[in-house]
Protein backbone atom coordinates (compact mmCIF):
# COMPACT_ATOMS: atom_id res chain seq x y z
CA UNK A 1 52.58 11.30 -16.17
CA UNK A 2 53.31 13.97 -18.76
CA UNK A 3 54.37 12.57 -22.11
CA UNK A 4 55.32 14.46 -25.26
CA UNK A 5 56.01 12.59 -28.48
CA UNK A 6 57.35 14.47 -31.52
CA UNK A 7 57.15 13.21 -35.08
CA UNK A 8 57.40 14.44 -38.64
CA UNK A 9 61.08 15.20 -38.97
CA UNK A 10 63.22 14.08 -41.86
CA UNK A 11 65.49 15.10 -44.70
CA UNK A 12 64.26 17.89 -46.97
CA UNK A 13 65.84 20.04 -49.65
CA UNK A 14 66.33 23.78 -49.14
CA UNK A 15 63.07 25.57 -49.89
CA UNK A 16 61.02 22.56 -48.89
CA UNK A 17 58.45 22.07 -46.16
CA UNK A 18 57.83 19.80 -43.21
CA UNK A 19 55.13 19.61 -40.57
CA UNK A 20 56.13 18.49 -37.10
CA UNK A 21 53.63 17.11 -34.62
CA UNK A 22 53.82 16.76 -30.86
CA UNK A 23 51.27 14.48 -29.23
CA UNK A 24 50.73 15.28 -25.55
CA UNK A 25 49.25 13.24 -22.73
CA UNK A 26 49.14 13.18 -18.94
CA UNK A 27 47.86 16.72 -18.43
CA UNK A 28 44.97 18.96 -19.46
CA UNK A 29 46.50 20.02 -22.76
CA UNK A 30 44.05 22.79 -23.63
CA UNK A 31 45.00 24.79 -20.52
CA UNK A 32 48.74 25.07 -21.17
CA UNK A 33 50.96 27.10 -23.49
CA UNK A 34 53.14 24.91 -25.68
CA UNK A 35 56.55 25.56 -27.19
CA UNK A 36 58.82 24.30 -29.93
CA UNK A 37 62.59 24.46 -29.37
CA UNK A 38 65.48 23.32 -31.50
CA UNK A 39 69.06 22.38 -30.77
CA UNK A 40 72.17 21.98 -32.83
CA UNK A 41 74.99 19.89 -31.30
CA UNK A 42 77.31 22.10 -29.31
CA UNK A 43 74.81 24.96 -29.07
CA UNK A 44 72.12 25.98 -26.60
CA UNK A 45 68.56 24.94 -27.14
CA UNK A 46 66.72 27.77 -28.94
CA UNK A 47 63.05 28.74 -28.59
CA UNK A 48 61.49 28.63 -32.05
CA UNK A 49 57.77 29.23 -31.46
CA UNK A 50 55.19 29.38 -28.69
CA UNK A 51 51.43 29.16 -28.59
CA UNK A 52 49.21 30.14 -25.67
CA UNK A 53 46.19 28.20 -24.47
CA UNK A 54 44.09 30.75 -26.34
CA UNK A 55 45.95 30.26 -29.60
CA UNK A 56 48.16 33.36 -29.70
CA UNK A 57 51.61 32.69 -31.10
CA UNK A 58 55.13 34.08 -31.02
CA UNK A 59 58.16 33.27 -33.11
CA UNK A 60 61.90 33.64 -33.11
CA UNK A 61 63.01 36.29 -35.59
CA UNK A 62 64.89 33.65 -37.56
CA UNK A 63 61.68 31.77 -38.45
CA UNK A 64 59.07 34.56 -38.67
CA UNK A 65 57.10 34.38 -41.88
CA UNK A 66 58.28 30.81 -42.58
CA UNK A 67 57.08 28.73 -39.60
CA UNK A 68 53.58 28.48 -38.15
CA UNK A 69 52.69 26.96 -34.80
CA UNK A 70 49.18 25.67 -34.21
CA UNK A 71 47.32 23.41 -31.82
CA UNK A 72 44.39 21.00 -31.94
CA UNK A 73 43.01 20.69 -28.44
CA UNK A 74 40.66 17.88 -29.49
CA UNK A 75 43.70 15.82 -30.48
CA UNK A 76 46.04 17.06 -27.70
CA UNK A 77 48.55 17.91 -30.41
CA UNK A 78 50.68 20.91 -31.26
CA UNK A 79 52.09 21.39 -34.76
CA UNK A 80 54.93 23.27 -36.37
CA UNK A 81 54.50 23.92 -40.07
CA UNK A 82 57.90 24.78 -41.52
CA UNK A 83 58.09 26.30 -45.00
CA UNK A 84 60.96 27.72 -47.06
CA UNK A 85 63.39 25.64 -45.05
CA UNK A 86 67.05 26.62 -44.98
CA UNK A 87 70.16 24.59 -44.14
CA UNK A 88 70.47 26.58 -40.92
CA UNK A 89 67.13 25.15 -39.78
CA UNK A 90 68.86 21.78 -39.43
CA UNK A 91 68.48 20.71 -35.79
CA UNK A 92 66.69 18.39 -33.42
CA UNK A 93 63.27 19.86 -32.71
CA UNK A 94 61.63 19.41 -29.31
CA UNK A 95 58.25 20.33 -27.94
CA UNK A 96 57.96 21.51 -24.38
CA UNK A 97 55.44 22.36 -21.70
CA UNK A 98 55.91 23.90 -18.27
CA UNK A 99 53.50 22.39 -15.78
CA UNK A 100 53.51 23.20 -12.06
CA UNK A 101 56.98 24.67 -12.38
CA UNK A 102 58.42 21.62 -14.11
CA UNK A 103 59.64 21.62 -17.70
CA UNK A 104 58.70 18.56 -19.71
CA UNK A 105 60.37 17.64 -23.00
CA UNK A 106 59.78 15.14 -25.72
CA UNK A 107 62.51 12.96 -27.22
CA UNK A 108 62.92 15.25 -30.22
CA UNK A 109 62.72 14.78 -33.96
CA UNK A 110 65.61 15.39 -36.36
CA UNK A 111 65.17 17.88 -39.18
CA UNK A 112 67.90 18.00 -41.82
CA UNK A 113 67.80 20.55 -44.62
CA UNK A 114 70.29 19.66 -47.31
CA UNK A 115 70.58 19.25 -51.06
C-alpha cells in the first residue's frame, strides 16, 4: 500500500527557510517522479515542484530560484528546501506520486510564513 508522510512544516518569518520531507513506502520509489503541491483554503491545489526518477526538476514560476526539490532514493524520501519564504507561500504542502494511473497523496504539512 502506497504511503506518503510529509513533515517539516511550521511557522517561519518572511525571508526564512524550511525543509519539507516526504517519506514514501509501498512502491519502488526510485522509479517514479515525485511532486510537491500546495493548497490554500478556497483555492485549487497548485503544483510547486517536480522531480523525475533521474533527478531532473521543474518548478512553478512563483518559487523558481527560492525552492529546491531533491530526492534520496536510499531513504525513499523527497525533499523541498524552501528559502526566502514569503507570506504568499503560506499553505498546506502535499507530496504526490502517480502510480499505475492512481494519484496518491500524503496528509500534508502546514507552512505558515508570518511575522
